[in-house]
């Protein structure tokens, strides 16, 4: 009975994740601008996010990046803030970092999950934190220089149309995979192997409504195949 439940849960999880993995391995833009450009800053670190998310827009002429002080070592130990910005690769001169906003939720491995919103060419999505809202994600419009909406959960992945997202517990991720999650909120399930209250959340971006979708208990079954 338990095995049957776990098999169904893992199949449901796989079906849920499939639309959000469409960009894995497809991180290069379809068209490169003519010529190569070196992006650097002698006073700061400049880096992008994880390899599953392309920093280039669909036209390949803009590059999203994070910038932080060159003396920063660990964002978790120092509580540092990173700058979110964009490089215009169309300009003939050396591309300059155009500041967009700050983020308090970032790490060397995954940044702040900064990414372009599919089907919305002028919009980006990134995670942040404040003492009132906790972890959150922000959709920002570059053309109009304004926040489109703020979601009550941090995003991990977007679907191909940019209309929904998946979220997870970034504090638990930080606990078990230091350098990949966020440290601002303690992990309340630290002593539980596969907590019922933890797992994957689904976010409808248009309404801002989120729901708990797949519990961790349904994900942990190492002896059972997804296929």
C-alpha atoms as a PDB file:
ATOM      1  CA  UNK A   1       0.000   0.000   0.000  1.00  0.00           C
ATOM      2  CA  UNK A   2       2.795   2.401   0.954  1.00  0.00           C
ATOM      3  CA  UNK A   3       4.834   1.477  -2.122  1.00  0.00           C
ATOM      4  CA  UNK A   4       1.821   2.152  -4.343  1.00  0.00           C
ATOM      5  CA  UNK A   5       1.361   5.574  -2.731  1.00  0.00           C
ATOM      6  CA  UNK A   6       5.037   6.468  -3.186  1.00  0.00           C
ATOM      7  CA  UNK A   7       5.032   5.390  -6.825  1.00  0.00           C
ATOM      8  CA  UNK A   8       2.012   7.581  -7.548  1.00  0.00           C
ATOM      9  CA  UNK A   9       3.583  10.501  -5.655  1.00  0.00           C
ATOM     10  CA  UNK A  10       6.850  10.278  -7.572  1.00  0.00           C
ATOM     11  CA  UNK A  11       5.031  10.041 -10.896  1.00  0.00           C
ATOM     12  CA  UNK A  12       3.001  13.100  -9.966  1.00  0.00           C
ATOM     13  CA  UNK A  13       6.207  14.936  -9.027  1.00  0.00           C
ATOM     14  CA  UNK A  14       7.877  14.004 -12.327  1.00  0.00           C
ATOM     15  CA  UNK A  15       4.830  15.167 -14.309  1.00  0.00           C
ATOM     16  CA  UNK A  16       4.820  18.419 -12.345  1.00  0.00           C
ATOM     17  CA  UNK A  17       8.534  19.083 -12.866  1.00  0.00           C
ATOM     18  CA  UNK A  18       8.685  18.218 -16.565  1.00  0.00           C
ATOM     19  CA  UNK A  19       7.407  21.599 -17.897  1.00  0.00           C
ATOM     20  CA  UNK A  20       9.971  23.422 -15.763  1.00  0.00           C
ATOM     21  CA  UNK A  21      13.017  21.556 -17.085  1.00  0.00           C
ATOM     22  CA  UNK A  22      12.589  22.589 -20.714  1.00  0.00           C
ATOM     23  CA  UNK A  23      15.591  24.932 -20.595  1.00  0.00           C
ATOM     24  CA  UNK A  24      18.076  22.544 -19.022  1.00  0.00           C
ATOM     25  CA  UNK A  25      20.892  22.077 -21.531  1.00  0.00           C
ATOM     26  CA  UNK A  26      19.564  24.940 -23.664  1.00  0.00           C
ATOM     27  CA  UNK A  27      21.331  27.836 -22.020  1.00  0.00           C
ATOM     28  CA  UNK A  28      22.783  29.473 -25.121  1.00  0.00           C
ATOM     29  CA  UNK A  29      20.964  32.234 -27.013  1.00  0.00           C
ATOM     30  CA  UNK A  30      19.764  31.493 -30.565  1.00  0.00           C
ATOM     31  CA  UNK A  31      21.757  34.419 -31.981  1.00  0.00           C
ATOM     32  CA  UNK A  32      25.008  35.975 -30.782  1.00  0.00           C
ATOM     33  CA  UNK A  33      25.817  39.651 -31.413  1.00  0.00           C
ATOM     34  CA  UNK A  34      28.697  40.156 -33.847  1.00  0.00           C
ATOM     35  CA  UNK A  35      32.060  40.034 -32.126  1.00  0.00           C
ATOM     36  CA  UNK A  36      33.039  38.965 -28.654  1.00  0.00           C
ATOM     37  CA  UNK A  37      32.869  41.197 -25.605  1.00  0.00           C
ATOM     38  CA  UNK A  38      34.660  40.948 -22.288  1.00  0.00           C
ATOM     39  CA  UNK A  39      32.610  41.861 -19.252  1.00  0.00           C
ATOM     40  CA  UNK A  40      34.682  42.697 -16.201  1.00  0.00           C
ATOM     41  CA  UNK A  41      34.991  45.007 -13.220  1.00  0.00           C
ATOM     42  CA  UNK A  42      38.247  45.377 -11.297  1.00  0.00           C
ATOM     43  CA  UNK A  43      36.375  46.386  -8.131  1.00  0.00           C
ATOM     44  CA  UNK A  44      33.651  43.726  -8.063  1.00  0.00           C
ATOM     45  CA  UNK A  45      32.635  40.155  -8.745  1.00  0.00           C
ATOM     46  CA  UNK A  46      30.253  39.759 -11.694  1.00  0.00           C
ATOM     47  CA  UNK A  47      28.499  36.434 -12.164  1.00  0.00           C
ATOM     48  CA  UNK A  48      25.310  34.803 -13.390  1.00  0.00           C
ATOM     49  CA  UNK A  49      23.128  32.104 -11.874  1.00  0.00           C
ATOM     50  CA  UNK A  50      22.977  28.344 -12.237  1.00  0.00           C
ATOM     51  CA  UNK A  51      23.592  26.617 -15.580  1.00  0.00           C
ATOM     52  CA  UNK A  52      19.933  25.670 -16.025  1.00  0.00           C
ATOM     53  CA  UNK A  53      18.971  29.322 -16.557  1.00  0.00           C
ATOM     54  CA  UNK A  54      20.236  31.401 -19.454  1.00  0.00           C
ATOM     55  CA  UNK A  55      21.360  34.945 -18.554  1.00  0.00           C
ATOM     56  CA  UNK A  56      20.747  36.040 -22.183  1.00  0.00           C
ATOM     57  CA  UNK A  57      17.426  37.421 -23.387  1.00  0.00           C
ATOM     58  CA  UNK A  58      15.741  35.775 -26.399  1.00  0.00           C
ATOM     59  CA  UNK A  59      17.534  38.118 -28.840  1.00  0.00           C
ATOM     60  CA  UNK A  60      20.928  37.462 -27.294  1.00  0.00           C
ATOM     61  CA  UNK A  61      21.672  41.174 -26.914  1.00  0.00           C
ATOM     62  CA  UNK A  62      21.163  41.587 -23.164  1.00  0.00           C
ATOM     63  CA  UNK A  63      22.830  39.746 -20.303  1.00  0.00           C
ATOM     64  CA  UNK A  64      21.528  39.564 -16.737  1.00  0.00           C
ATOM     65  CA  UNK A  65      24.102  39.398 -13.952  1.00  0.00           C
ATOM     66  CA  UNK A  66      24.776  39.940 -10.274  1.00  0.00           C
ATOM     67  CA  UNK A  67      27.499  42.215  -8.947  1.00  0.00           C
ATOM     68  CA  UNK A  68      28.990  42.265  -5.461  1.00  0.00           C
ATOM     69  CA  UNK A  69      32.071  43.680  -3.792  1.00  0.00           C
ATOM     70  CA  UNK A  70      35.324  41.954  -4.603  1.00  0.00           C
ATOM     71  CA  UNK A  71      36.071  41.267  -0.913  1.00  0.00           C
ATOM     72  CA  UNK A  72      32.865  39.283  -0.373  1.00  0.00           C
ATOM     73  CA  UNK A  73      33.456  35.635   0.460  1.00  0.00           C
ATOM     74  CA  UNK A  74      30.243  34.039   1.730  1.00  0.00           C
ATOM     75  CA  UNK A  75      26.863  35.778   1.519  1.00  0.00           C
ATOM     76  CA  UNK A  76      25.675  33.523   4.342  1.00  0.00           C
ATOM     77  CA  UNK A  77      28.363  34.504   6.826  1.00  0.00           C
ATOM     78  CA  UNK A  78      28.535  38.196   6.048  1.00  0.00           C
ATOM     79  CA  UNK A  79      24.887  38.980   5.277  1.00  0.00           C
ATOM     80  CA  UNK A  80      25.930  40.822   2.154  1.00  0.00           C
ATOM     81  CA  UNK A  81      23.725  42.376  -0.498  1.00  0.00           C
ATOM     82  CA  UNK A  82      24.205  41.839  -4.233  1.00  0.00           C
ATOM     83  CA  UNK A  83      23.269  44.166  -7.068  1.00  0.00           C
ATOM     84  CA  UNK A  84      21.062  42.979  -9.922  1.00  0.00           C
ATOM     85  CA  UNK A  85      21.871  44.462 -13.294  1.00  0.00           C
ATOM     86  CA  UNK A  86      21.940  44.078 -17.047  1.00  0.00           C
ATOM     87  CA  UNK A  87      24.563  44.491 -19.771  1.00  0.00           C
ATOM     88  CA  UNK A  88      23.567  45.818 -23.200  1.00  0.00           C
ATOM     89  CA  UNK A  89      25.645  43.792 -25.657  1.00  0.00           C
ATOM     90  CA  UNK A  90      24.528  45.806 -28.707  1.00  0.00           C
ATOM     91  CA  UNK A  91      26.681  48.804 -27.871  1.00  0.00           C
ATOM     92  CA  UNK A  92      30.027  49.081 -29.609  1.00  0.00           C
ATOM     93  CA  UNK A  93      31.817  50.146 -26.452  1.00  0.00           C
ATOM     94  CA  UNK A  94      32.652  47.841 -23.547  1.00  0.00           C
ATOM     95  CA  UNK A  95      29.331  46.763 -21.983  1.00  0.00           C
ATOM     96  CA  UNK A  96      28.525  48.583 -18.758  1.00  0.00           C
ATOM     97  CA  UNK A  97      26.574  47.234 -15.802  1.00  0.00           C
ATOM     98  CA  UNK A  98      23.162  48.926 -15.596  1.00  0.00           C
ATOM     99  CA  UNK A  99      21.847  48.685 -12.045  1.00  0.00           C
ATOM    100  CA  UNK A 100      18.291  47.388 -11.594  1.00  0.00           C
ATOM    101  CA  UNK A 101      17.821  46.483  -7.929  1.00  0.00           C
ATOM    102  CA  UNK A 102      19.334  44.776  -4.881  1.00  0.00           C
ATOM    103  CA  UNK A 103      18.819  41.268  -3.558  1.00  0.00           C
ATOM    104  CA  UNK A 104      19.412  39.915  -0.063  1.00  0.00           C
ATOM    105  CA  UNK A 105      18.893  36.284  -1.129  1.00  0.00           C
ATOM    106  CA  UNK A 106      21.818  35.135  -3.224  1.00  0.00           C
ATOM    107  CA  UNK A 107      24.656  32.661  -3.240  1.00  0.00           C
ATOM    108  CA  UNK A 108      27.618  31.828  -5.449  1.00  0.00           C
ATOM    109  CA  UNK A 109      25.995  28.708  -6.896  1.00  0.00           C
ATOM    110  CA  UNK A 110      22.537  29.912  -7.931  1.00  0.00           C
ATOM    111  CA  UNK A 111      22.606  33.652  -7.494  1.00  0.00           C
ATOM    112  CA  UNK A 112      19.079  34.797  -6.672  1.00  0.00           C
ATOM    113  CA  UNK A 113      17.465  32.627  -9.398  1.00  0.00           C
ATOM    114  CA  UNK A 114      17.588  35.729 -11.604  1.00  0.00           C
ATOM    115  CA  UNK A 115      16.082  34.959 -15.014  1.00  0.00           C
ATOM    116  CA  UNK A 116      14.109  36.301 -17.936  1.00  0.00           C
ATOM    117  CA  UNK A 117      10.366  35.671 -17.817  1.00  0.00           C
ATOM    118  CA  UNK A 118       9.414  33.551 -20.876  1.00  0.00           C
ATOM    119  CA  UNK A 119       6.982  35.200 -23.324  1.00  0.00           C
ATOM    120  CA  UNK A 120       7.506  38.564 -21.559  1.00  0.00           C
ATOM    121  CA  UNK A 121      10.671  39.895 -23.239  1.00  0.00           C
ATOM    122  CA  UNK A 122      11.058  42.956 -21.008  1.00  0.00           C
ATOM    123  CA  UNK A 123      10.439  41.235 -17.675  1.00  0.00           C
ATOM    124  CA  UNK A 124      12.807  39.512 -15.269  1.00  0.00           C
ATOM    125  CA  UNK A 125      12.229  37.484 -12.103  1.00  0.00           C
ATOM    126  CA  UNK A 126      14.423  37.271  -9.017  1.00  0.00           C
ATOM    127  CA  UNK A 127      14.245  36.389  -5.322  1.00  0.00           C
ATOM    128  CA  UNK A 128      14.654  38.683  -2.351  1.00  0.00           C
ATOM    129  CA  UNK A 129      14.039  38.892   1.384  1.00  0.00           C
ATOM    130  CA  UNK A 130      12.863  41.449   3.924  1.00  0.00           C
ATOM    131  CA  UNK A 131      12.061  41.184   7.627  1.00  0.00           C
ATOM    132  CA  UNK A 132       8.327  41.715   7.064  1.00  0.00           C
ATOM    133  CA  UNK A 133       7.558  39.511   4.047  1.00  0.00           C
ATOM    134  CA  UNK A 134      10.313  36.932   4.453  1.00  0.00           C
ATOM    135  CA  UNK A 135      11.420  35.216   1.245  1.00  0.00           C
ATOM    136  CA  UNK A 136       9.664  36.480  -1.880  1.00  0.00           C
ATOM    137  CA  UNK A 137      10.073  36.791  -5.622  1.00  0.00           C
ATOM    138  CA  UNK A 138       9.785  39.936  -7.703  1.00  0.00           C
ATOM    139  CA  UNK A 139       8.793  40.375 -11.320  1.00  0.00           C
ATOM    140  CA  UNK A 140      10.354  43.533 -12.732  1.00  0.00           C
ATOM    141  CA  UNK A 141       9.711  45.303 -16.038  1.00  0.00           C
ATOM    142  CA  UNK A 142      12.935  46.682 -17.530  1.00  0.00           C
ATOM    143  CA  UNK A 143      11.228  48.819 -20.173  1.00  0.00           C
ATOM    144  CA  UNK A 144       9.053  50.685 -17.679  1.00  0.00           C
ATOM    145  CA  UNK A 145      11.501  50.448 -14.761  1.00  0.00           C
ATOM    146  CA  UNK A 146       8.902  49.192 -12.328  1.00  0.00           C
ATOM    147  CA  UNK A 147       7.885  46.173 -10.256  1.00  0.00           C
ATOM    148  CA  UNK A 148       5.062  44.277 -11.957  1.00  0.00           C
ATOM    149  CA  UNK A 149       4.190  42.095  -8.989  1.00  0.00           C
ATOM    150  CA  UNK A 150       5.643  40.605  -5.836  1.00  0.00           C
ATOM    151  CA  UNK A 151       4.935  36.950  -5.079  1.00  0.00           C
ATOM    152  CA  UNK A 152       4.770  35.602  -1.536  1.00  0.00           C
ATOM    153  CA  UNK A 153       7.209  32.749  -2.233  1.00  0.00           C
ATOM    154  CA  UNK A 154      10.679  32.646  -3.805  1.00  0.00           C
ATOM    155  CA  UNK A 155      10.702  31.019  -7.249  1.00  0.00           C
ATOM    156  CA  UNK A 156      12.926  28.187  -8.334  1.00  0.00           C
ATOM    157  CA  UNK A 157      11.734  27.560 -11.898  1.00  0.00           C
ATOM    158  CA  UNK A 158       9.282  29.069 -14.388  1.00  0.00           C
ATOM    159  CA  UNK A 159       7.127  27.202 -16.871  1.00  0.00           C
ATOM    160  CA  UNK A 160       7.688  27.835 -20.645  1.00  0.00           C
ATOM    161  CA  UNK A 161       4.997  30.534 -20.823  1.00  0.00           C
ATOM    162  CA  UNK A 162       6.056  32.416 -17.699  1.00  0.00           C
ATOM    163  CA  UNK A 163       2.609  32.023 -16.160  1.00  0.00           C
ATOM    164  CA  UNK A 164       3.460  29.717 -13.269  1.00  0.00           C
ATOM    165  CA  UNK A 165       6.411  28.780 -11.110  1.00  0.00           C
ATOM    166  CA  UNK A 166       7.632  26.195  -8.644  1.00  0.00           C
ATOM    167  CA  UNK A 167       9.018  27.007  -5.224  1.00  0.00           C
ATOM    168  CA  UNK A 168      10.746  25.099  -2.433  1.00  0.00           C
ATOM    169  CA  UNK A 169      12.065  25.680   1.068  1.00  0.00           C
ATOM    170  CA  UNK A 170      15.307  27.596   0.450  1.00  0.00           C
ATOM    171  CA  UNK A 171      16.180  27.462   4.167  1.00  0.00           C
ATOM    172  CA  UNK A 172      16.071  23.665   4.125  1.00  0.00           C
ATOM    173  CA  UNK A 173      18.042  23.660   0.885  1.00  0.00           C
ATOM    174  CA  UNK A 174      20.683  25.832   2.576  1.00  0.00           C
ATOM    175  CA  UNK A 175      20.835  23.451   5.532  1.00  0.00           C
ATOM    176  CA  UNK A 176      21.375  20.319   3.451  1.00  0.00           C
ATOM    177  CA  UNK A 177      23.224  21.869   0.502  1.00  0.00           C
ATOM    178  CA  UNK A 178      25.061  24.873   1.883  1.00  0.00           C
ATOM    179  CA  UNK A 179      25.726  27.442  -0.803  1.00  0.00           C
ATOM    180  CA  UNK A 180      22.551  26.717  -2.755  1.00  0.00           C
ATOM    181  CA  UNK A 181      19.817  28.080  -0.488  1.00  0.00           C
ATOM    182  CA  UNK A 182      19.174  31.100   1.744  1.00  0.00           C
ATOM    183  CA  UNK A 183      20.032  31.590   5.404  1.00  0.00           C
ATOM    184  CA  UNK A 184      17.795  34.408   6.657  1.00  0.00           C
ATOM    185  CA  UNK A 185      15.004  32.166   8.001  1.00  0.00           C
ATOM    186  CA  UNK A 186      15.821  29.143  10.212  1.00  0.00           C
ATOM    187  CA  UNK A 187      14.918  25.719   8.854  1.00  0.00           C
ATOM    188  CA  UNK A 188      12.013  24.592  11.030  1.00  0.00           C
ATOM    189  CA  UNK A 189      12.144  21.018   9.720  1.00  0.00           C
ATOM    190  CA  UNK A 190      15.860  20.482  10.375  1.00  0.00           C
ATOM    191  CA  UNK A 191      15.438  17.370  12.489  1.00  0.00           C
ATOM    192  CA  UNK A 192      12.864  15.664  10.267  1.00  0.00           C
ATOM    193  CA  UNK A 193      14.022  13.310   7.541  1.00  0.00           C
ATOM    194  CA  UNK A 194      11.088  13.786   5.103  1.00  0.00           C
ATOM    195  CA  UNK A 195       8.648  16.301   6.602  1.00  0.00           C
ATOM    196  CA  UNK A 196       4.989  16.297   5.593  1.00  0.00           C
ATOM    197  CA  UNK A 197       4.969  20.108   5.590  1.00  0.00           C
ATOM    198  CA  UNK A 198       7.874  20.460   3.162  1.00  0.00           C
ATOM    199  CA  UNK A 199       8.080  19.807  -0.565  1.00  0.00           C
ATOM    200  CA  UNK A 200       7.172  21.715  -3.722  1.00  0.00           C
ATOM    201  CA  UNK A 201       4.818  24.666  -4.038  1.00  0.00           C
ATOM    202  CA  UNK A 202       3.002  25.744  -7.210  1.00  0.00           C
ATOM    203  CA  UNK A 203       2.570  29.486  -7.864  1.00  0.00           C
ATOM    204  CA  UNK A 204       0.052  30.985 -10.290  1.00  0.00           C
ATOM    205  CA  UNK A 205       1.765  34.226 -11.280  1.00  0.00           C
ATOM    206  CA  UNK A 206      -1.284  36.069 -12.632  1.00  0.00           C
ATOM    207  CA  UNK A 207      -3.252  35.658  -9.390  1.00  0.00           C
ATOM    208  CA  UNK A 208      -0.309  35.365  -7.021  1.00  0.00           C
ATOM    209  CA  UNK A 209      -1.971  32.344  -5.423  1.00  0.00           C
ATOM    210  CA  UNK A 210       0.309  29.521  -4.292  1.00  0.00           C
ATOM    211  CA  UNK A 211      -0.505  26.033  -3.106  1.00  0.00           C
ATOM    212  CA  UNK A 212       1.417  23.189  -1.526  1.00  0.00           C
ATOM    213  CA  UNK A 213       1.630  20.595  -4.277  1.00  0.00           C
ATOM    214  CA  UNK A 214       3.967  17.679  -3.573  1.00  0.00           C
ATOM    215  CA  UNK A 215       5.083  16.769  -0.015  1.00  0.00           C
ATOM    216  CA  UNK A 216       8.619  15.640   0.687  1.00  0.00           C
ATOM    217  CA  UNK A 217       7.237  12.331   1.906  1.00  0.00           C
ATOM    218  CA  UNK A 218       6.127  11.641  -1.642  1.00  0.00           C
ATOM    219  CA  UNK A 219       9.533  12.541  -3.054  1.00  0.00           C
ATOM    220  CA  UNK A 220      11.672  10.379  -0.816  1.00  0.00           C
ATOM    221  CA  UNK A 221      11.566   6.798  -2.107  1.00  0.00           C
ATOM    222  CA  UNK A 222      15.085   5.978  -3.365  1.00  0.00           C
ATOM    223  CA  UNK A 223      14.246   2.359  -4.234  1.00  0.00           C
ATOM    224  CA  UNK A 224      11.428   3.326  -6.584  1.00  0.00           C
ATOM    225  CA  UNK A 225      12.053   4.419 -10.162  1.00  0.00           C
ATOM    226  CA  UNK A 226      10.389   7.453 -11.704  1.00  0.00           C
ATOM    227  CA  UNK A 227       9.891   5.552 -14.928  1.00  0.00           C
END
